[in-house]
Amino acid sequence: MKRDNNIYIISIILLLVSLSGCALNKKEKNNNYEENNDINIYVDTKDEVSIEMIQFAIESYKNQKEGTTVNIKAPVNKKDINTYLKDTKEIDLVVTNRNNILDLSKQGLIADLNEFYKKNDINNRFYNIITSYGIKGDQYFALGLLPFTIQIIYNEKYFEDKSIEINNATLEELIKLNNDKDVKVPILAPESIDAMEIISVLLEDNLVDKKQLENIYEGNVEKYNNFKDIQVVLDELNKLTKEGYLTKDMLEVKDEDVLSYIDKGRYPMAIVASSYNNDEERLNTKVLGNYKLIGKEKTPVVFMDALIAVANNCKDQEEVIEFMKFIYSDEFQMKISEKGFVTGNIKAMEDNKLINSNLKSDIISSNMSNIPYIYSLPPKIRNEVKSEMYNILRGNYSGDEWKKIIRDSY
């Protein structure tokens, strides 16, 4: 799962080829192929772990459900998904991030899943964070796939040799320690999440009212101008930059090899998505359980870069719901847990003895307030916020970044 554009493209191509082969095999075996039920899934994520899980789900469903073919449709651009969902019945399920789910729900292009939640007892079988990702107002429009957190991993021997009490240091001090030695901090996360976005999410903690931000989603200019929380995050980012804790060159996006590099001491520490750190036994690598940032204790932040929703125009909602029921059954959730995926299903999590205790605790205790603020922003505003972060790191801070972001977005 190298973090590279090519990996994402290759994953989708392999998935398409694999499923096409399955469809051909079924056609040869079944003279009534034309009557088979097809499910078309629009997969719009660059999270390699989620793509791998979707592929496993499709293969498992195909083995259980004779006569059903599941097809993947990869995105070309955002206009295509809107066109598909408005004008055709080609798309049955959508896999995308929360930003797009909020957008599609506002346009009435994805189905209300309240009844699905009730009939399948979702709220009692899954932790709150899984369902929080898919809710807007009092309606459920999607379900999260695989939750992950951001971990600070470090080489224990490196800090012991330098007599540094890492558990007493703040995160900004640890980053500055690397900066002072001209050592970059590696970062490993899904390609769709920018490195500075991750820093800002760790920074924002409880500075942003997520519920209010969701309520004004795609609102008018006045509503966004009156929402000051993200400017506070940018102010804190500027403060850390001026004090020398953050620099424009401090982060280095890496692939999974960085996990072994940390263990061998090539890097003192790294910022890593938990979905890549499978708790393989490593001699010198530890996860920093608790730390402070800008004087505040770490609080859980749970990411999910892929959610699944049902298209309002789907041609056979009954068949689609059967597929959803399969994915979110306790049996399948336990199966993917056994394969190493971290799921928010209560039964699967309780039976998983290998999961990192900090990660498990974060998922269990999290709710709407633990969703990163970036997922409640319209894509255009999210991109502008990211741009302003890098401007601040380059020394261009005015204190009116949020007003500029809204002006440029509208």
Protein backbone atom coordinates (compact mmCIF):
# COMPACT_ATOMS: atom_id res chain seq x y z
CA MET A 1 0.00 0.00 0.00
CA LYS A 2 2.55 2.60 -1.11
CA ARG A 3 1.29 6.12 -0.87
CA ASP A 4 1.46 7.03 -4.50
CA ASN A 5 -1.04 8.06 -7.16
CA ASN A 6 -0.09 4.98 -9.16
CA ILE A 7 -1.08 2.69 -6.30
CA TYR A 8 -4.57 4.17 -6.20
CA ILE A 9 -4.97 3.82 -9.98
CA ILE A 10 -3.56 0.29 -10.02
CA SER A 11 -5.83 -0.75 -7.13
CA ILE A 12 -8.92 0.40 -9.00
CA ILE A 13 -7.76 -1.24 -12.27
CA LEU A 14 -7.07 -4.55 -10.52
CA LEU A 15 -10.44 -4.35 -8.84
CA LEU A 16 -12.17 -3.75 -12.16
CA VAL A 17 -10.30 -6.58 -13.88
CA SER A 18 -10.96 -8.97 -11.00
CA LEU A 19 -14.66 -8.22 -10.93
CA SER A 20 -14.97 -8.38 -14.71
CA GLY A 21 -13.46 -11.83 -14.57
CA CYS A 22 -15.96 -12.83 -11.92
CA ALA A 23 -18.81 -11.57 -14.07
CA LEU A 24 -17.56 -13.56 -17.08
CA ASN A 25 -17.29 -16.72 -15.02
CA LYS A 26 -20.83 -16.29 -13.81
CA LYS A 27 -22.07 -15.73 -17.34
CA GLU A 28 -20.57 -19.02 -18.45
CA LYS A 29 -22.11 -20.84 -15.50
CA ASN A 30 -25.54 -19.27 -15.62
CA ASN A 31 -27.71 -19.26 -18.73
CA ASN A 32 -29.98 -16.71 -17.06
CA TYR A 33 -27.18 -14.18 -16.65
CA GLU A 34 -29.31 -11.40 -18.09
CA GLU A 35 -31.62 -11.75 -15.11
CA ASN A 36 -28.79 -11.46 -12.59
CA ASN A 37 -28.79 -8.52 -10.21
CA ASP A 38 -25.98 -6.02 -10.70
CA ILE A 39 -24.76 -3.60 -8.04
CA ASN A 40 -22.71 -0.66 -9.25
CA ILE A 41 -20.46 1.05 -6.71
CA TYR A 42 -18.92 4.45 -7.34
CA VAL A 43 -15.61 4.34 -5.43
CA ASP A 44 -14.19 7.79 -4.80
CA THR A 45 -11.44 7.34 -2.23
CA LYS A 46 -7.65 7.22 -2.26
CA ASP A 47 -7.53 5.39 1.05
CA GLU A 48 -5.79 2.16 0.03
CA VAL A 49 -6.92 0.34 3.18
CA SER A 50 -10.59 1.11 2.47
CA ILE A 51 -10.19 -0.01 -1.16
CA GLU A 52 -8.69 -3.28 0.03
CA MET A 53 -11.57 -3.80 2.45
CA ILE A 54 -14.17 -3.05 -0.27
CA GLN A 55 -12.53 -5.57 -2.56
CA PHE A 56 -12.65 -8.21 0.16
CA ALA A 57 -16.31 -7.39 0.86
CA ILE A 58 -17.23 -7.77 -2.80
CA GLU A 59 -15.43 -11.09 -3.13
CA SER A 60 -17.06 -12.39 0.05
CA TYR A 61 -20.53 -11.29 -1.06
CA LYS A 62 -20.04 -12.82 -4.50
CA ASN A 63 -19.19 -16.16 -2.92
CA GLN A 64 -22.30 -16.05 -0.75
CA LYS A 65 -24.82 -14.55 -3.17
CA GLU A 66 -25.13 -16.42 -6.45
CA GLY A 67 -26.48 -14.43 -9.37
CA THR A 68 -25.27 -11.02 -8.19
CA THR A 69 -22.50 -9.11 -9.91
CA VAL A 70 -20.82 -6.16 -8.22
CA ASN A 71 -19.19 -3.58 -10.49
CA ILE A 72 -16.83 -0.76 -9.61
CA LYS A 73 -17.07 2.60 -11.33
CA ALA A 74 -14.04 4.79 -10.72
CA PRO A 75 -14.43 8.59 -10.66
CA VAL A 76 -13.32 10.81 -13.51
CA ASN A 77 -14.27 14.10 -11.90
CA LYS A 78 -16.84 15.32 -9.42
CA LYS A 79 -19.26 16.39 -12.13
CA ASP A 80 -19.56 12.77 -13.25
CA ILE A 81 -20.93 11.54 -9.91
CA ASN A 82 -23.51 14.32 -9.80
CA THR A 83 -24.56 13.54 -13.37
CA TYR A 84 -24.80 9.82 -12.63
CA LEU A 85 -26.89 10.28 -9.54
CA LYS A 86 -29.20 12.91 -11.04
CA ASP A 87 -29.82 11.53 -14.49
CA THR A 88 -29.24 7.77 -14.47
CA LYS A 89 -29.73 4.62 -12.45
CA GLU A 90 -26.22 3.40 -13.12
CA ILE A 91 -24.95 4.03 -9.59
CA ASP A 92 -26.33 2.12 -6.61
CA LEU A 93 -23.78 2.80 -3.89
CA VAL A 94 -21.33 5.63 -3.34
CA VAL A 95 -18.07 5.31 -1.41
CA THR A 96 -16.59 8.72 -0.70
CA ASN A 97 -15.55 11.05 2.12
CA ARG A 98 -17.78 12.93 4.55
CA ASN A 99 -17.33 16.24 2.71
CA ASN A 100 -18.99 14.77 -0.38
CA ILE A 101 -21.64 12.91 1.64
CA LEU A 102 -22.79 16.22 3.13
CA ASP A 103 -22.85 17.73 -0.35
CA LEU A 104 -24.80 14.83 -1.91
CA SER A 105 -27.31 14.77 0.95
CA LYS A 106 -27.94 18.49 0.52
CA GLN A 107 -28.70 17.87 -3.17
CA GLY A 108 -31.04 14.98 -2.33
CA LEU A 109 -28.92 12.52 -4.30
CA ILE A 110 -28.42 9.89 -1.59
CA ALA A 111 -31.05 7.99 0.37
CA ASP A 112 -32.15 8.50 3.95
CA LEU A 113 -30.84 5.45 5.85
CA ASN A 114 -32.80 5.97 9.09
CA GLU A 115 -34.89 2.86 8.42
CA PHE A 116 -31.78 0.81 7.63
CA TYR A 117 -30.23 1.93 10.92
CA LYS A 118 -33.35 0.92 12.88
CA LYS A 119 -33.97 -2.45 11.22
CA ASN A 120 -30.34 -3.49 11.55
CA ASP A 121 -29.82 -2.11 15.06
CA ILE A 122 -26.80 -0.15 13.85
CA ASN A 123 -26.64 2.26 16.79
CA ASN A 124 -26.46 -0.61 19.29
CA ARG A 125 -23.97 -2.70 17.33
CA PHE A 126 -21.49 -0.01 16.32
CA TYR A 127 -19.62 2.60 18.29
CA ASN A 128 -20.93 6.14 18.16
CA ILE A 129 -18.13 7.46 15.96
CA ILE A 130 -19.15 5.16 13.07
CA THR A 131 -22.70 6.47 13.00
CA SER A 132 -21.71 10.08 13.73
CA TYR A 133 -19.86 10.27 10.43
CA GLY A 134 -23.01 9.44 8.48
CA ILE A 135 -25.50 11.75 10.17
CA LYS A 136 -26.61 15.21 9.12
CA GLY A 137 -29.13 16.89 11.37
CA ASP A 138 -31.38 14.04 12.49
CA GLN A 139 -31.00 11.95 9.33
CA TYR A 140 -28.53 9.19 8.57
CA PHE A 141 -27.20 9.24 5.01
CA ALA A 142 -24.13 7.01 5.24
CA LEU A 143 -22.08 4.63 7.34
CA GLY A 144 -18.35 4.84 7.98
CA LEU A 145 -16.11 2.00 6.85
CA LEU A 146 -12.79 1.92 8.70
CA PRO A 147 -11.88 4.31 11.52
CA PHE A 148 -8.30 5.30 12.23
CA THR A 149 -6.44 7.73 14.43
CA ILE A 150 -3.18 9.62 14.06
CA GLN A 151 -0.39 8.13 16.14
CA ILE A 152 2.93 9.59 17.18
CA ILE A 153 5.41 6.72 17.00
CA TYR A 154 9.00 7.04 18.17
CA ASN A 155 12.26 5.17 18.55
CA GLU A 156 12.51 4.52 22.27
CA LYS A 157 16.27 3.91 22.23
CA TYR A 158 16.94 7.23 20.47
CA PHE A 159 15.28 9.25 23.22
CA GLU A 160 16.72 7.11 26.02
CA ASP A 161 20.26 7.59 24.67
CA LYS A 162 19.72 11.35 24.70
CA SER A 163 18.14 11.25 28.18
CA ILE A 164 14.96 12.86 26.88
CA GLU A 165 11.82 12.14 28.90
CA ILE A 166 9.53 11.88 25.90
CA ASN A 167 6.37 11.50 27.99
CA ASN A 168 7.05 14.88 29.61
CA ALA A 169 7.62 16.73 26.33
CA THR A 170 4.91 18.48 24.32
CA LEU A 171 4.35 17.51 20.71
CA GLU A 172 5.58 20.89 19.48
CA GLU A 173 8.79 20.44 21.51
CA LEU A 174 9.37 17.02 19.95
CA ILE A 175 8.85 18.45 16.46
CA LYS A 176 11.20 21.35 17.21
CA LEU A 177 13.80 18.89 18.47
CA ASN A 178 13.79 17.39 14.98
CA ASN A 179 13.82 20.82 13.32
CA ASP A 180 16.84 21.94 15.35
CA LYS A 181 18.76 18.90 14.15
CA ASP A 182 17.56 19.49 10.58
CA VAL A 183 15.70 16.18 10.65
CA LYS A 184 12.29 16.09 8.99
CA VAL A 185 9.31 14.43 10.63
CA PRO A 186 7.96 11.65 8.39
CA ILE A 187 4.21 11.46 7.97
CA LEU A 188 2.27 8.45 6.73
CA ALA A 189 -1.45 8.85 6.02
CA PRO A 190 -3.98 8.36 3.20
CA GLU A 191 -3.08 10.43 0.17
CA SER A 192 -6.33 12.38 0.30
CA ILE A 193 -5.38 13.97 3.64
CA ASP A 194 -2.73 16.67 3.44
CA ALA A 195 0.13 16.62 5.94
CA MET A 196 -0.63 20.12 7.23
CA GLU A 197 -4.31 19.24 7.55
CA ILE A 198 -3.28 16.53 9.99
CA ILE A 199 -1.21 19.00 12.03
CA SER A 200 -4.12 21.44 12.10
CA VAL A 201 -6.53 18.69 13.20
CA LEU A 202 -4.23 17.76 16.08
CA LEU A 203 -3.98 21.46 16.85
CA GLU A 204 -7.69 22.30 16.75
CA ASP A 205 -8.67 19.87 19.52
CA ASN A 206 -11.86 21.44 20.90
CA LEU A 207 -11.35 24.82 19.26
CA VAL A 208 -13.90 24.11 16.51
CA ASP A 209 -17.61 23.53 17.13
CA LYS A 210 -18.15 20.62 14.70
CA LYS A 211 -21.93 20.58 15.04
CA GLN A 212 -22.27 24.26 14.24
CA LEU A 213 -19.86 23.87 11.32
CA GLU A 214 -21.98 21.03 9.94
CA ASN A 215 -25.18 23.05 10.40
CA ILE A 216 -23.90 25.87 8.17
CA TYR A 217 -22.58 23.49 5.51
CA GLU A 218 -22.81 25.24 2.12
CA GLY A 219 -24.51 28.14 3.87
CA ASN A 220 -24.29 31.74 2.75
CA VAL A 221 -21.29 34.04 3.10
CA GLU A 222 -22.65 35.74 6.21
CA LYS A 223 -23.03 32.46 8.12
CA TYR A 224 -19.48 31.42 7.34
CA ASN A 225 -18.06 34.86 8.12
CA ASN A 226 -19.71 34.71 11.54
CA PHE A 227 -18.09 31.34 12.26
CA LYS A 228 -14.74 32.28 13.81
CA ASP A 229 -13.43 28.93 15.07
CA ILE A 230 -11.20 28.05 12.13
CA GLN A 231 -9.50 31.45 12.28
CA VAL A 232 -8.60 30.54 15.88
CA VAL A 233 -6.91 27.36 14.58
CA LEU A 234 -4.99 29.40 12.00
CA ASP A 235 -3.99 31.86 14.73
CA GLU A 236 -2.55 29.00 16.79
CA LEU A 237 -0.75 27.68 13.72
CA ASN A 238 0.83 31.10 13.22
CA LYS A 239 1.87 31.26 16.87
CA LEU A 240 3.67 27.91 16.65
CA THR A 241 5.30 29.01 13.40
CA LYS A 242 6.60 32.26 14.88
CA GLU A 243 7.95 30.44 17.92
CA GLY A 244 9.93 28.12 15.65
CA TYR A 245 8.00 24.93 16.35
CA LEU A 246 6.56 24.60 12.85
CA THR A 247 8.30 25.24 9.53
CA LYS A 248 7.26 24.84 5.92
CA ASP A 249 9.82 22.07 5.39
CA MET A 250 9.38 20.14 8.62
CA LEU A 251 7.23 17.29 7.28
CA GLU A 252 8.18 14.59 4.82
CA VAL A 253 5.47 12.40 3.29
CA LYS A 254 6.65 8.80 3.34
CA ASP A 255 5.43 5.30 2.55
CA GLU A 256 5.14 2.31 4.86
CA ASP A 257 8.90 1.75 4.89
CA VAL A 258 9.05 4.54 7.46
CA LEU A 259 7.79 2.09 10.10
CA SER A 260 10.97 0.04 9.83
CA TYR A 261 13.07 3.22 9.52
CA ILE A 262 11.77 4.39 12.90
CA ASP A 263 12.60 1.05 14.47
CA LYS A 264 16.13 1.17 13.07
CA GLY A 265 16.67 4.73 14.31
CA ARG A 266 16.88 6.45 10.92
CA TYR A 267 14.18 8.82 12.18
CA PRO A 268 13.50 9.65 15.85
CA MET A 269 9.72 9.88 15.39
CA ALA A 270 6.91 9.90 12.85
CA ILE A 271 3.26 10.88 12.53
CA VAL A 272 1.36 7.83 11.30
CA ALA A 273 -2.22 6.85 10.52
CA SER A 274 -3.06 3.87 12.73
CA SER A 275 -4.41 1.97 9.71
CA TYR A 276 -0.82 1.57 8.50
CA ASN A 277 0.60 0.60 11.88
CA ASN A 278 -0.66 -2.95 12.38
CA ASP A 279 1.12 -3.46 15.70
CA GLU A 280 3.68 -5.78 14.17
CA GLU A 281 6.28 -6.54 16.82
CA ARG A 282 9.09 -3.98 16.62
CA LEU A 283 11.95 -3.87 19.05
CA ASN A 284 12.43 -0.13 19.50
CA THR A 285 9.16 1.44 18.32
CA LYS A 286 6.59 2.80 20.74
CA VAL A 287 3.34 4.73 20.37
CA LEU A 288 3.18 7.96 22.36
CA GLY A 289 0.01 7.42 24.36
CA ASN A 290 -0.54 10.85 25.86
CA TYR A 291 0.97 14.17 24.94
CA LYS A 292 0.24 17.87 25.13
CA LEU A 293 -0.07 20.34 22.28
CA ILE A 294 -0.33 24.09 22.91
CA GLY A 295 -0.73 23.28 26.59
CA LYS A 296 -3.67 20.92 26.16
CA GLU A 297 -3.87 17.21 26.80
CA LYS A 298 -4.39 15.06 23.72
CA THR A 299 -8.01 14.20 23.03
CA PRO A 300 -9.12 11.53 20.55
CA VAL A 301 -9.48 12.48 16.89
CA VAL A 302 -10.91 9.70 14.75
CA PHE A 303 -10.62 9.82 10.97
CA MET A 304 -12.62 7.94 8.35
CA ASP A 305 -11.82 8.74 4.76
CA ALA A 306 -14.46 6.46 3.24
CA LEU A 307 -18.19 6.25 3.92
CA ILE A 308 -20.81 4.27 2.03
CA ALA A 309 -24.20 5.65 0.96
CA VAL A 310 -27.13 4.47 -1.18
CA ALA A 311 -27.96 6.47 -4.32
CA ASN A 312 -31.54 7.75 -4.43
CA ASN A 313 -31.81 6.65 -8.06
CA CYS A 314 -30.51 3.11 -7.50
CA LYS A 315 -32.31 0.62 -9.71
CA ASP A 316 -32.82 -2.12 -7.13
CA GLN A 317 -32.75 -0.77 -3.59
CA GLU A 318 -33.70 -4.14 -2.13
CA GLU A 319 -30.59 -5.82 -3.54
CA VAL A 320 -28.42 -2.87 -2.54
CA ILE A 321 -29.72 -2.98 1.04
CA GLU A 322 -28.92 -6.70 1.15
CA PHE A 323 -25.32 -5.88 0.26
CA MET A 324 -25.24 -3.19 2.97
CA LYS A 325 -26.69 -5.64 5.50
CA PHE A 326 -23.96 -8.10 4.58
CA ILE A 327 -21.14 -5.57 5.05
CA TYR A 328 -22.48 -4.34 8.39
CA SER A 329 -23.39 -7.74 9.80
CA ASP A 330 -21.53 -8.79 12.94
CA GLU A 331 -20.29 -11.87 11.09
CA PHE A 332 -18.60 -9.94 8.29
CA GLN A 333 -17.30 -7.27 10.65
CA MET A 334 -15.64 -9.98 12.73
CA LYS A 335 -14.21 -11.54 9.59
CA ILE A 336 -12.53 -8.32 8.46
CA SER A 337 -11.30 -7.76 12.01
CA GLU A 338 -9.60 -11.16 11.87
CA LYS A 339 -7.90 -10.05 8.64
CA GLY A 340 -6.36 -7.07 10.44
CA PHE A 341 -8.83 -4.29 9.62
CA VAL A 342 -9.89 -2.08 12.52
CA THR A 343 -13.66 -1.80 12.53
CA GLY A 344 -16.08 0.12 14.72
CA ASN A 345 -18.32 -2.91 15.26
CA ILE A 346 -18.66 -3.52 19.01
CA LYS A 347 -18.54 -7.32 18.88
CA ALA A 348 -15.55 -7.37 16.53
CA MET A 349 -13.65 -4.84 18.65
CA GLU A 350 -14.34 -6.75 21.86
CA ASP A 351 -12.94 -9.94 20.30
CA ASN A 352 -9.88 -8.21 18.84
CA LYS A 353 -7.07 -8.77 21.35
CA LEU A 354 -4.32 -7.44 19.09
CA ILE A 355 -5.55 -3.88 18.60
CA ASN A 356 -3.52 -1.13 20.24
CA SER A 357 -5.19 -0.21 23.54
CA ASN A 358 -4.96 3.56 22.88
CA LEU A 359 -6.58 3.16 19.47
CA LYS A 360 -9.35 0.99 20.90
CA SER A 361 -10.02 3.46 23.69
CA ASP A 362 -10.14 6.39 21.26
CA ILE A 363 -12.70 4.66 19.01
CA ILE A 364 -14.87 3.56 21.93
CA SER A 365 -15.00 7.01 23.55
CA SER A 366 -15.43 9.13 20.41
CA ASN A 367 -18.49 10.84 18.96
CA MET A 368 -19.37 13.77 16.69
CA SER A 369 -17.00 16.11 18.55
CA ASN A 370 -14.06 13.83 17.69
CA ILE A 371 -14.55 14.09 13.91
CA PRO A 372 -11.82 16.26 12.33
CA TYR A 373 -13.18 19.65 11.34
CA ILE A 374 -11.85 19.25 7.77
CA TYR A 375 -14.62 16.70 7.06
CA SER A 376 -17.35 19.26 7.76
CA LEU A 377 -16.09 21.77 5.20
CA PRO A 378 -17.29 22.02 1.60
CA PRO A 379 -14.42 20.83 -0.66
CA LYS A 380 -13.76 24.32 -2.04
CA ILE A 381 -13.41 25.81 1.47
CA ARG A 382 -11.30 22.88 2.65
CA ASN A 383 -8.87 23.50 -0.21
CA GLU A 384 -8.66 27.22 0.59
CA VAL A 385 -7.98 26.50 4.29
CA LYS A 386 -5.15 24.18 3.28
CA SER A 387 -3.70 26.87 1.03
CA GLU A 388 -3.75 29.44 3.84
CA MET A 389 -1.96 27.03 6.19
CA TYR A 390 1.01 26.91 3.84
CA ASN A 391 0.91 30.69 3.44
CA ILE A 392 1.21 31.02 7.21
CA LEU A 393 4.17 28.63 7.28
CA ARG A 394 5.81 30.87 4.67
CA GLY A 395 5.37 33.85 6.98
CA ASN A 396 2.28 35.33 5.34
CA TYR A 397 -0.15 35.84 8.21
CA SER A 398 -2.74 38.61 8.42
CA GLY A 399 -5.24 37.48 11.05
CA ASP A 400 -8.01 37.71 8.45
CA GLU A 401 -7.36 34.40 6.70
CA TRP A 402 -10.87 33.08 7.30
CA LYS A 403 -12.51 36.12 5.69
CA LYS A 404 -10.22 35.71 2.68
CA ILE A 405 -11.04 31.99 2.48
CA ILE A 406 -14.78 32.67 2.38
CA ARG A 407 -14.36 35.51 -0.09
CA ASP A 408 -12.27 33.34 -2.42
CA SER A 409 -14.66 30.39 -2.06
CA TYR A 410 -17.76 32.36 -2.98
